[in-house]
Amino acid sequence: MLFVGLAKVGAQHLPMFTQYFLNDYVTNIAVAGSNPWFDVKTANRYQWAGITDSPRTFTLSACGPNKKLNMGYGFYLFTDNVGPTRRTGIQFSYAYHFKITKTVKLSFGLSGGLLQYTVDGSKITLRDKYDAVISNALQSALVPDFTFAFHLYHKDWFVGASFPQIVTNNLYFFNYQTQTMSKLARHYYANAGYTFHLGVDFDLQPGVLFKYVKPMKPQFDLMARVIYKKQVWFGGSFRTQDAWSMFAGYMYKNNLSIGYSYDASISGLKGYNSGSHEIVAGIRLVKKENKSEKSF
């Protein structure tokens, strides 16, 4: 049955990003308000180039602080196309920041929004072409979606965790349905990073991102990048069961940033695609008194 398949699709990982260290708010909404500026970022990912209907993902996000109230606000919208399916959604988030010590803070974030899951029946070939389980048209389900996260941070390190789709709402694609096997799958993310200052001009920043959704195997994304004068960076990463990556980027006058990454598959798909491409661009809106502050 199709909806058994859809339930399995729903259990797969949410869209992955190689440059999650640049687009950290999308990975962990509790990041909102941790910096003294507003961040607007967009990410475009084209995965497994050369495979028909391979995943294509777009996000647009913005977040910033209210330092007087120790709060952070933000939103992000996204669309993720995979074969005959499309996920489109928007979420708005709120975070509150506690001072643990003079240099360490802890924030808790909560976001809520809407998620639309669409299936294009015209792109699905059924074993029984007369099977009435799906029509030759678009079918969609609209459900509320929520995420909870926390972020413990210092100017040189951070540890955090995020729980997207924390409410496992059912997906109903037909008005007449009273039961369904399709539902949102709760995800578990954890990430951490540290910045080593190598003299005046160079920083070394290793990081790790852990992802898990039942019944798939846990996945680790290990990365490291070298940053020169807070402006230019390059590095690489390894994602278990999936790919190794290379990336580079540039920050212009502490306001405009752009990063590019290339992934080479190591999974069973490696002989069928020419790699994955991702571009992240951002603009940082900095108040005059904070222009001298830089963070990566």
C-alpha atoms as a PDB file:
ATOM      1  CA  MET A   1       0.000   0.000   0.000  1.00  0.00           C
ATOM      2  CA  LEU A   2       1.194   3.510  -0.768  1.00  0.00           C
ATOM      3  CA  PHE A   3       0.699   4.854   2.745  1.00  0.00           C
ATOM      4  CA  VAL A   4       2.978   2.242   4.212  1.00  0.00           C
ATOM      5  CA  GLY A   5       5.596   3.633   1.848  1.00  0.00           C
ATOM      6  CA  LEU A   6       4.759   7.165   2.898  1.00  0.00           C
ATOM      7  CA  ALA A   7       5.207   6.227   6.531  1.00  0.00           C
ATOM      8  CA  LYS A   8       8.684   4.983   5.677  1.00  0.00           C
ATOM      9  CA  VAL A   9       9.427   8.171   3.780  1.00  0.00           C
ATOM     10  CA  GLY A  10       8.340  10.191   6.797  1.00  0.00           C
ATOM     11  CA  ALA A  11      10.827   8.292   8.952  1.00  0.00           C
ATOM     12  CA  GLN A  12      13.822   9.377   6.902  1.00  0.00           C
ATOM     13  CA  HIS A  13      16.150  12.146   7.975  1.00  0.00           C
ATOM     14  CA  LEU A  14      15.049  15.727   7.491  1.00  0.00           C
ATOM     15  CA  PRO A  15      17.026  17.638   4.840  1.00  0.00           C
ATOM     16  CA  MET A  16      20.754  17.486   5.505  1.00  0.00           C
ATOM     17  CA  PHE A  17      23.167  20.383   5.136  1.00  0.00           C
ATOM     18  CA  THR A  18      26.925  20.168   4.851  1.00  0.00           C
ATOM     19  CA  GLN A  19      27.385  23.783   5.983  1.00  0.00           C
ATOM     20  CA  TYR A  20      25.250  23.477   9.120  1.00  0.00           C
ATOM     21  CA  PHE A  21      27.906  25.486  10.988  1.00  0.00           C
ATOM     22  CA  LEU A  22      26.974  28.527   8.859  1.00  0.00           C
ATOM     23  CA  ASN A  23      23.228  27.920   8.946  1.00  0.00           C
ATOM     24  CA  ASP A  24      23.205  27.043  12.647  1.00  0.00           C
ATOM     25  CA  TYR A  25      19.781  28.551  13.448  1.00  0.00           C
ATOM     26  CA  VAL A  26      18.049  26.127  11.048  1.00  0.00           C
ATOM     27  CA  THR A  27      19.836  23.238  12.790  1.00  0.00           C
ATOM     28  CA  ASN A  28      19.095  24.517  16.309  1.00  0.00           C
ATOM     29  CA  ILE A  29      16.456  27.227  16.868  1.00  0.00           C
ATOM     30  CA  ALA A  30      17.812  27.963  20.388  1.00  0.00           C
ATOM     31  CA  VAL A  31      20.733  29.754  18.661  1.00  0.00           C
ATOM     32  CA  ALA A  32      18.416  32.741  18.066  1.00  0.00           C
ATOM     33  CA  GLY A  33      19.598  35.656  20.214  1.00  0.00           C
ATOM     34  CA  SER A  34      23.022  34.220  21.051  1.00  0.00           C
ATOM     35  CA  ASN A  35      24.742  36.851  18.877  1.00  0.00           C
ATOM     36  CA  PRO A  36      24.346  40.665  19.145  1.00  0.00           C
ATOM     37  CA  TRP A  37      23.112  41.025  15.560  1.00  0.00           C
ATOM     38  CA  PHE A  38      20.311  39.937  13.236  1.00  0.00           C
ATOM     39  CA  ASP A  39      21.142  37.198  10.754  1.00  0.00           C
ATOM     40  CA  VAL A  40      19.346  36.603   7.452  1.00  0.00           C
ATOM     41  CA  LYS A  41      20.456  33.513   5.543  1.00  0.00           C
ATOM     42  CA  THR A  42      19.464  31.429   2.588  1.00  0.00           C
ATOM     43  CA  ALA A  43      20.631  27.930   1.709  1.00  0.00           C
ATOM     44  CA  ASN A  44      20.269  26.068  -1.569  1.00  0.00           C
ATOM     45  CA  ARG A  45      21.215  22.396  -1.795  1.00  0.00           C
ATOM     46  CA  TYR A  46      21.168  20.184  -4.872  1.00  0.00           C
ATOM     47  CA  GLN A  47      21.849  16.618  -3.775  1.00  0.00           C
ATOM     48  CA  TRP A  48      23.071  13.710  -5.898  1.00  0.00           C
ATOM     49  CA  ALA A  49      23.379  15.610  -9.168  1.00  0.00           C
ATOM     50  CA  GLY A  50      22.679  13.380 -12.151  1.00  0.00           C
ATOM     51  CA  ILE A  51      19.888  11.359 -10.526  1.00  0.00           C
ATOM     52  CA  THR A  52      16.402  12.206 -11.784  1.00  0.00           C
ATOM     53  CA  ASP A  53      14.217  13.886  -9.135  1.00  0.00           C
ATOM     54  CA  SER A  54      17.060  13.897  -6.582  1.00  0.00           C
ATOM     55  CA  PRO A  55      16.587  15.967  -3.388  1.00  0.00           C
ATOM     56  CA  ARG A  56      16.552  19.758  -3.794  1.00  0.00           C
ATOM     57  CA  THR A  57      16.259  21.921  -0.704  1.00  0.00           C
ATOM     58  CA  PHE A  58      15.818  25.660  -0.125  1.00  0.00           C
ATOM     59  CA  THR A  59      15.657  27.531   3.191  1.00  0.00           C
ATOM     60  CA  LEU A  60      15.286  31.179   4.166  1.00  0.00           C
ATOM     61  CA  SER A  61      15.791  32.172   7.787  1.00  0.00           C
ATOM     62  CA  ALA A  62      16.161  35.228   9.994  1.00  0.00           C
ATOM     63  CA  CYS A  63      16.896  35.514  13.705  1.00  0.00           C
ATOM     64  CA  GLY A  64      18.079  38.081  16.193  1.00  0.00           C
ATOM     65  CA  PRO A  65      18.210  39.150  19.852  1.00  0.00           C
ATOM     66  CA  ASN A  66      16.388  41.266  22.347  1.00  0.00           C
ATOM     67  CA  LYS A  67      19.329  41.679  24.706  1.00  0.00           C
ATOM     68  CA  LYS A  68      17.421  43.727  27.280  1.00  0.00           C
ATOM     69  CA  LEU A  69      15.002  40.848  27.799  1.00  0.00           C
ATOM     70  CA  ASN A  70      17.549  38.036  27.249  1.00  0.00           C
ATOM     71  CA  MET A  71      15.444  36.700  24.391  1.00  0.00           C
ATOM     72  CA  GLY A  72      15.853  35.656  20.796  1.00  0.00           C
ATOM     73  CA  TYR A  73      13.343  35.502  17.950  1.00  0.00           C
ATOM     74  CA  GLY A  74      13.405  34.017  14.501  1.00  0.00           C
ATOM     75  CA  PHE A  75      11.632  32.277  11.656  1.00  0.00           C
ATOM     76  CA  TYR A  76      12.508  30.023   8.789  1.00  0.00           C
ATOM     77  CA  LEU A  77      10.697  28.706   5.770  1.00  0.00           C
ATOM     78  CA  PHE A  78      11.752  25.800   3.635  1.00  0.00           C
ATOM     79  CA  THR A  79      10.862  23.584   0.739  1.00  0.00           C
ATOM     80  CA  ASP A  80      12.326  20.130   0.201  1.00  0.00           C
ATOM     81  CA  ASN A  81      11.633  18.188  -2.998  1.00  0.00           C
ATOM     82  CA  VAL A  82      12.406  14.466  -3.144  1.00  0.00           C
ATOM     83  CA  GLY A  83      11.074  12.505  -6.110  1.00  0.00           C
ATOM     84  CA  PRO A  84       7.248  12.639  -6.081  1.00  0.00           C
ATOM     85  CA  THR A  85       7.125  14.213  -2.611  1.00  0.00           C
ATOM     86  CA  ARG A  86       7.525  17.791  -1.401  1.00  0.00           C
ATOM     87  CA  ARG A  87       7.735  19.163   2.127  1.00  0.00           C
ATOM     88  CA  THR A  88       7.028  22.871   2.557  1.00  0.00           C
ATOM     89  CA  GLY A  89       6.786  24.666   5.849  1.00  0.00           C
ATOM     90  CA  ILE A  90       7.306  27.702   8.001  1.00  0.00           C
ATOM     91  CA  GLN A  91       8.189  27.980  11.672  1.00  0.00           C
ATOM     92  CA  PHE A  92       8.467  30.868  14.127  1.00  0.00           C
ATOM     93  CA  SER A  93      10.691  30.496  17.167  1.00  0.00           C
ATOM     94  CA  TYR A  94      11.341  31.975  20.585  1.00  0.00           C
ATOM     95  CA  ALA A  95      14.390  31.444  22.817  1.00  0.00           C
ATOM     96  CA  TYR A  96      15.226  32.564  26.332  1.00  0.00           C
ATOM     97  CA  HIS A  97      18.840  32.904  27.495  1.00  0.00           C
ATOM     98  CA  PHE A  98      20.089  32.266  31.035  1.00  0.00           C
ATOM     99  CA  LYS A  99      23.492  33.358  32.334  1.00  0.00           C
ATOM    100  CA  ILE A 100      25.205  30.305  33.880  1.00  0.00           C
ATOM    101  CA  THR A 101      28.517  32.049  34.612  1.00  0.00           C
ATOM    102  CA  LYS A 102      30.076  35.308  33.495  1.00  0.00           C
ATOM    103  CA  THR A 103      31.115  33.696  30.186  1.00  0.00           C
ATOM    104  CA  VAL A 104      28.680  30.796  29.717  1.00  0.00           C
ATOM    105  CA  LYS A 105      24.997  31.022  28.784  1.00  0.00           C
ATOM    106  CA  LEU A 106      22.210  28.505  28.225  1.00  0.00           C
ATOM    107  CA  SER A 107      19.205  29.059  25.985  1.00  0.00           C
ATOM    108  CA  PHE A 108      16.015  27.094  25.497  1.00  0.00           C
ATOM    109  CA  GLY A 109      14.064  27.452  22.252  1.00  0.00           C
ATOM    110  CA  LEU A 110      10.611  26.481  21.044  1.00  0.00           C
ATOM    111  CA  SER A 111       9.206  26.871  17.556  1.00  0.00           C
ATOM    112  CA  GLY A 112       5.845  26.222  15.991  1.00  0.00           C
ATOM    113  CA  GLY A 113       4.444  26.409  12.513  1.00  0.00           C
ATOM    114  CA  LEU A 114       2.836  24.511   9.674  1.00  0.00           C
ATOM    115  CA  LEU A 115       4.102  21.709   7.475  1.00  0.00           C
ATOM    116  CA  GLN A 116       2.572  20.665   4.160  1.00  0.00           C
ATOM    117  CA  TYR A 117       3.489  17.237   2.828  1.00  0.00           C
ATOM    118  CA  THR A 118       2.576  16.805  -0.866  1.00  0.00           C
ATOM    119  CA  VAL A 119       2.634  13.699  -3.070  1.00  0.00           C
ATOM    120  CA  ASP A 120       2.448  13.953  -6.866  1.00  0.00           C
ATOM    121  CA  GLY A 121       0.601  10.832  -7.979  1.00  0.00           C
ATOM    122  CA  SER A 122       1.471  11.445 -11.639  1.00  0.00           C
ATOM    123  CA  LYS A 123       5.131  10.636 -10.827  1.00  0.00           C
ATOM    124  CA  ILE A 124       4.362   7.289  -9.186  1.00  0.00           C
ATOM    125  CA  THR A 125       4.161   4.047 -11.149  1.00  0.00           C
ATOM    126  CA  LEU A 126       1.962   1.487  -9.401  1.00  0.00           C
ATOM    127  CA  ARG A 127       2.397  -2.242  -9.788  1.00  0.00           C
ATOM    128  CA  ASP A 128      -1.364  -2.397 -10.316  1.00  0.00           C
ATOM    129  CA  LYS A 129      -2.279   0.567 -12.503  1.00  0.00           C
ATOM    130  CA  TYR A 130      -5.937   0.179 -11.462  1.00  0.00           C
ATOM    131  CA  ASP A 131      -5.095   0.447  -7.748  1.00  0.00           C
ATOM    132  CA  ALA A 132      -7.339   3.172  -6.367  1.00  0.00           C
ATOM    133  CA  VAL A 133      -5.084   3.952  -3.400  1.00  0.00           C
ATOM    134  CA  ILE A 134      -3.746   7.042  -5.158  1.00  0.00           C
ATOM    135  CA  SER A 135      -5.048   9.304  -7.882  1.00  0.00           C
ATOM    136  CA  ASN A 136      -3.021  10.655 -10.756  1.00  0.00           C
ATOM    137  CA  ALA A 137      -2.895  14.096  -9.128  1.00  0.00           C
ATOM    138  CA  LEU A 138      -1.444  16.107  -6.251  1.00  0.00           C
ATOM    139  CA  GLN A 139      -2.469  15.056  -2.760  1.00  0.00           C
ATOM    140  CA  SER A 140      -1.350  16.890   0.347  1.00  0.00           C
ATOM    141  CA  ALA A 141      -1.611  16.912   4.121  1.00  0.00           C
ATOM    142  CA  LEU A 142      -1.266  20.045   6.279  1.00  0.00           C
ATOM    143  CA  VAL A 143      -0.291  19.629   9.935  1.00  0.00           C
ATOM    144  CA  PRO A 144       1.088  21.763  12.787  1.00  0.00           C
ATOM    145  CA  ASP A 145       4.777  21.198  13.501  1.00  0.00           C
ATOM    146  CA  PHE A 146       6.854  21.930  16.624  1.00  0.00           C
ATOM    147  CA  THR A 147      10.522  21.862  17.613  1.00  0.00           C
ATOM    148  CA  PHE A 148      12.247  22.101  21.006  1.00  0.00           C
ATOM    149  CA  ALA A 149      15.957  22.834  21.455  1.00  0.00           C
ATOM    150  CA  PHE A 150      18.650  23.993  23.870  1.00  0.00           C
ATOM    151  CA  HIS A 151      22.018  25.669  23.295  1.00  0.00           C
ATOM    152  CA  LEU A 152      24.844  25.953  25.877  1.00  0.00           C
ATOM    153  CA  TYR A 153      27.484  28.364  24.637  1.00  0.00           C
ATOM    154  CA  HIS A 154      30.683  30.315  25.289  1.00  0.00           C
ATOM    155  CA  LYS A 155      32.598  32.556  22.891  1.00  0.00           C
ATOM    156  CA  ASP A 156      34.906  29.612  22.070  1.00  0.00           C
ATOM    157  CA  TRP A 157      32.598  26.570  22.281  1.00  0.00           C
ATOM    158  CA  PHE A 158      29.008  25.331  22.245  1.00  0.00           C
ATOM    159  CA  VAL A 159      26.939  22.207  22.891  1.00  0.00           C
ATOM    160  CA  GLY A 160      23.326  21.861  21.855  1.00  0.00           C
ATOM    161  CA  ALA A 161      20.466  19.553  20.987  1.00  0.00           C
ATOM    162  CA  SER A 162      17.308  19.877  18.917  1.00  0.00           C
ATOM    163  CA  PHE A 163      14.166  17.770  18.617  1.00  0.00           C
ATOM    164  CA  PRO A 164      12.339  18.555  15.335  1.00  0.00           C
ATOM    165  CA  GLN A 165       8.837  17.216  14.760  1.00  0.00           C
ATOM    166  CA  ILE A 166       8.568  16.607  18.493  1.00  0.00           C
ATOM    167  CA  VAL A 167       4.807  16.120  18.085  1.00  0.00           C
ATOM    168  CA  THR A 168       4.299  13.119  15.788  1.00  0.00           C
ATOM    169  CA  ASN A 169       1.147  14.298  14.039  1.00  0.00           C
ATOM    170  CA  ASN A 170      -0.669  11.978  11.651  1.00  0.00           C
ATOM    171  CA  LEU A 171      -0.755  12.778   7.929  1.00  0.00           C
ATOM    172  CA  TYR A 172      -4.143  12.411   6.231  1.00  0.00           C
ATOM    173  CA  PHE A 173      -4.020  12.706   2.439  1.00  0.00           C
ATOM    174  CA  PHE A 174      -7.724  12.103   1.805  1.00  0.00           C
ATOM    175  CA  ASN A 175     -10.762  13.694   3.464  1.00  0.00           C
ATOM    176  CA  TYR A 176     -12.424  10.329   3.903  1.00  0.00           C
ATOM    177  CA  GLN A 177      -9.516   8.824   5.846  1.00  0.00           C
ATOM    178  CA  THR A 178     -10.150   7.942   9.491  1.00  0.00           C
ATOM    179  CA  GLN A 179      -6.919   5.986   9.969  1.00  0.00           C
ATOM    180  CA  THR A 180      -3.423   6.395   8.571  1.00  0.00           C
ATOM    181  CA  MET A 181       0.021   4.851   8.923  1.00  0.00           C
ATOM    182  CA  SER A 182       1.691   8.058   7.759  1.00  0.00           C
ATOM    183  CA  LYS A 183       2.949  10.380  10.475  1.00  0.00           C
ATOM    184  CA  LEU A 184       5.729  12.826  11.264  1.00  0.00           C
ATOM    185  CA  ALA A 185       8.759  11.130  12.782  1.00  0.00           C
ATOM    186  CA  ARG A 186      10.427  12.645  15.835  1.00  0.00           C
ATOM    187  CA  HIS A 187      14.094  13.460  15.165  1.00  0.00           C
ATOM    188  CA  TYR A 188      16.998  13.781  17.580  1.00  0.00           C
ATOM    189  CA  TYR A 189      19.886  16.120  16.813  1.00  0.00           C
ATOM    190  CA  ALA A 190      22.942  17.018  18.924  1.00  0.00           C
ATOM    191  CA  ASN A 191      25.856  19.212  17.937  1.00  0.00           C
ATOM    192  CA  ALA A 192      29.019  20.661  19.441  1.00  0.00           C
ATOM    193  CA  GLY A 193      31.978  22.749  18.342  1.00  0.00           C
ATOM    194  CA  TYR A 194      35.158  24.378  19.651  1.00  0.00           C
ATOM    195  CA  THR A 195      37.350  27.193  18.341  1.00  0.00           C
ATOM    196  CA  PHE A 196      41.116  26.933  18.828  1.00  0.00           C
ATOM    197  CA  HIS A 197      42.969  30.233  18.355  1.00  0.00           C
ATOM    198  CA  LEU A 198      46.173  29.518  16.442  1.00  0.00           C
ATOM    199  CA  GLY A 199      47.999  32.797  16.853  1.00  0.00           C
ATOM    200  CA  VAL A 200      46.661  36.164  15.719  1.00  0.00           C
ATOM    201  CA  ASP A 201      45.346  35.311  12.258  1.00  0.00           C
ATOM    202  CA  PHE A 202      44.240  31.680  12.281  1.00  0.00           C
ATOM    203  CA  ASP A 203      41.492  29.737  14.054  1.00  0.00           C
ATOM    204  CA  LEU A 204      40.779  26.007  13.887  1.00  0.00           C
ATOM    205  CA  GLN A 205      37.159  24.997  14.403  1.00  0.00           C
ATOM    206  CA  PRO A 206      36.220  21.301  14.657  1.00  0.00           C
ATOM    207  CA  GLY A 207      32.595  20.284  15.099  1.00  0.00           C
ATOM    208  CA  VAL A 208      30.225  17.338  15.158  1.00  0.00           C
ATOM    209  CA  LEU A 209      26.535  16.865  14.370  1.00  0.00           C
ATOM    210  CA  PHE A 210      24.650  13.743  15.476  1.00  0.00           C
ATOM    211  CA  LYS A 211      21.316  12.774  13.892  1.00  0.00           C
ATOM    212  CA  TYR A 212      18.911   9.967  14.659  1.00  0.00           C
ATOM    213  CA  VAL A 213      15.396   9.007  13.610  1.00  0.00           C
ATOM    214  CA  LYS A 214      13.883   5.593  14.191  1.00  0.00           C
ATOM    215  CA  PRO A 215      14.375   3.036  12.610  1.00  0.00           C
ATOM    216  CA  MET A 216      17.452   4.333  10.769  1.00  0.00           C
ATOM    217  CA  LYS A 217      21.017   4.038  12.021  1.00  0.00           C
ATOM    218  CA  PRO A 218      22.475   7.047  13.876  1.00  0.00           C
ATOM    219  CA  GLN A 219      24.468   9.354  11.621  1.00  0.00           C
ATOM    220  CA  PHE A 220      27.499  11.479  12.535  1.00  0.00           C
ATOM    221  CA  ASP A 221      28.784  14.487  10.618  1.00  0.00           C
ATOM    222  CA  LEU A 222      32.388  15.337  11.563  1.00  0.00           C
ATOM    223  CA  MET A 223      33.850  18.596  10.257  1.00  0.00           C
ATOM    224  CA  ALA A 224      36.831  20.903  10.689  1.00  0.00           C
ATOM    225  CA  ARG A 225      37.632  24.251   9.119  1.00  0.00           C
ATOM    226  CA  VAL A 226      40.489  26.729   9.225  1.00  0.00           C
ATOM    227  CA  ILE A 227      39.523  30.423   9.433  1.00  0.00           C
ATOM    228  CA  TYR A 228      41.922  33.169   8.348  1.00  0.00           C
ATOM    229  CA  LYS A 229      41.494  36.646   9.857  1.00  0.00           C
ATOM    230  CA  LYS A 230      37.793  35.944  10.562  1.00  0.00           C
ATOM    231  CA  GLN A 231      37.148  36.370   6.826  1.00  0.00           C
ATOM    232  CA  VAL A 232      38.177  33.332   4.772  1.00  0.00           C
ATOM    233  CA  TRP A 233      37.638  29.699   5.658  1.00  0.00           C
ATOM    234  CA  PHE A 234      38.119  26.276   4.121  1.00  0.00           C
ATOM    235  CA  GLY A 235      37.779  22.739   5.394  1.00  0.00           C
ATOM    236  CA  GLY A 236      36.176  19.365   5.035  1.00  0.00           C
ATOM    237  CA  SER A 237      33.781  16.925   6.640  1.00  0.00           C
ATOM    238  CA  PHE A 238      32.776  13.290   6.712  1.00  0.00           C
ATOM    239  CA  ARG A 239      29.166  12.117   7.039  1.00  0.00           C
ATOM    240  CA  THR A 240      28.857   8.466   8.035  1.00  0.00           C
ATOM    241  CA  GLN A 241      26.998   6.224   5.594  1.00  0.00           C
ATOM    242  CA  ASP A 242      26.782   9.063   3.079  1.00  0.00           C
ATOM    243  CA  ALA A 243      29.634  11.299   1.869  1.00  0.00           C
ATOM    244  CA  TRP A 244      32.817  13.252   2.406  1.00  0.00           C
ATOM    245  CA  SER A 245      32.791  16.982   1.676  1.00  0.00           C
ATOM    246  CA  MET A 246      34.945  19.999   0.946  1.00  0.00           C
ATOM    247  CA  PHE A 247      33.888  23.599   1.551  1.00  0.00           C
ATOM    248  CA  ALA A 248      35.115  27.179   1.511  1.00  0.00           C
ATOM    249  CA  GLY A 249      33.681  30.609   2.218  1.00  0.00           C
ATOM    250  CA  TYR A 250      34.238  34.318   2.605  1.00  0.00           C
ATOM    251  CA  MET A 251      32.945  37.058   4.907  1.00  0.00           C
ATOM    252  CA  TYR A 252      32.955  40.597   3.461  1.00  0.00           C
ATOM    253  CA  LYS A 253      33.311  43.478   5.947  1.00  0.00           C
ATOM    254  CA  ASN A 254      31.700  41.418   8.705  1.00  0.00           C
ATOM    255  CA  ASN A 255      28.322  41.785   6.967  1.00  0.00           C
ATOM    256  CA  LEU A 256      28.008  39.620   3.865  1.00  0.00           C
ATOM    257  CA  SER A 257      28.942  35.950   3.749  1.00  0.00           C
ATOM    258  CA  ILE A 258      28.892  33.180   1.200  1.00  0.00           C
ATOM    259  CA  GLY A 259      29.918  29.552   1.422  1.00  0.00           C
ATOM    260  CA  TYR A 260      30.056  26.677  -1.049  1.00  0.00           C
ATOM    261  CA  SER A 261      30.390  22.947  -0.419  1.00  0.00           C
ATOM    262  CA  TYR A 262      30.771  19.861  -2.581  1.00  0.00           C
ATOM    263  CA  ASP A 263      29.889  16.347  -1.385  1.00  0.00           C
ATOM    264  CA  ALA A 264      31.165  13.105  -2.908  1.00  0.00           C
ATOM    265  CA  SER A 265      29.054  10.036  -2.136  1.00  0.00           C
ATOM    266  CA  ILE A 266      30.483   6.954  -0.429  1.00  0.00           C
ATOM    267  CA  SER A 267      27.161   5.083  -0.234  1.00  0.00           C
ATOM    268  CA  GLY A 268      25.693   2.704  -2.802  1.00  0.00           C
ATOM    269  CA  LEU A 269      24.704   5.762  -4.857  1.00  0.00           C
ATOM    270  CA  LYS A 270      28.304   6.788  -5.536  1.00  0.00           C
ATOM    271  CA  GLY A 271      28.314   5.281  -9.024  1.00  0.00           C
ATOM    272  CA  TYR A 272      25.078   6.999 -10.055  1.00  0.00           C
ATOM    273  CA  ASN A 273      25.633  10.673  -9.233  1.00  0.00           C
ATOM    274  CA  SER A 274      28.242  13.372  -9.691  1.00  0.00           C
ATOM    275  CA  GLY A 275      28.069  14.783  -6.175  1.00  0.00           C
ATOM    276  CA  SER A 276      26.016  17.270  -4.169  1.00  0.00           C
ATOM    277  CA  HIS A 277      26.288  21.069  -4.263  1.00  0.00           C
ATOM    278  CA  GLU A 278      25.298  23.568  -1.584  1.00  0.00           C
ATOM    279  CA  ILE A 279      25.453  27.364  -1.384  1.00  0.00           C
ATOM    280  CA  VAL A 280      24.769  29.356   1.799  1.00  0.00           C
ATOM    281  CA  ALA A 281      24.577  33.165   1.641  1.00  0.00           C
ATOM    282  CA  GLY A 282      23.876  35.577   4.448  1.00  0.00           C
ATOM    283  CA  ILE A 283      23.676  39.169   5.545  1.00  0.00           C
ATOM    284  CA  ARG A 284      24.424  40.282   9.092  1.00  0.00           C
ATOM    285  CA  LEU A 285      22.655  43.388  10.376  1.00  0.00           C
ATOM    286  CA  VAL A 286      25.001  44.798  13.000  1.00  0.00           C
ATOM    287  CA  LYS A 287      24.392  47.829  15.191  1.00  0.00           C
ATOM    288  CA  LYS A 288      27.171  50.411  15.078  1.00  0.00           C
ATOM    289  CA  GLU A 289      28.326  49.686  18.629  1.00  0.00           C
ATOM    290  CA  ASN A 290      28.667  45.983  17.737  1.00  0.00           C
ATOM    291  CA  LYS A 291      30.454  46.358  14.392  1.00  0.00           C
ATOM    292  CA  SER A 292      33.748  45.240  15.895  1.00  0.00           C
ATOM    293  CA  GLU A 293      32.324  41.945  17.182  1.00  0.00           C
ATOM    294  CA  LYS A 294      32.943  38.910  15.026  1.00  0.00           C
ATOM    295  CA  SER A 295      31.780  35.348  15.494  1.00  0.00           C
ATOM    296  CA  PHE A 296      32.126  32.142  13.570  1.00  0.00           C
END
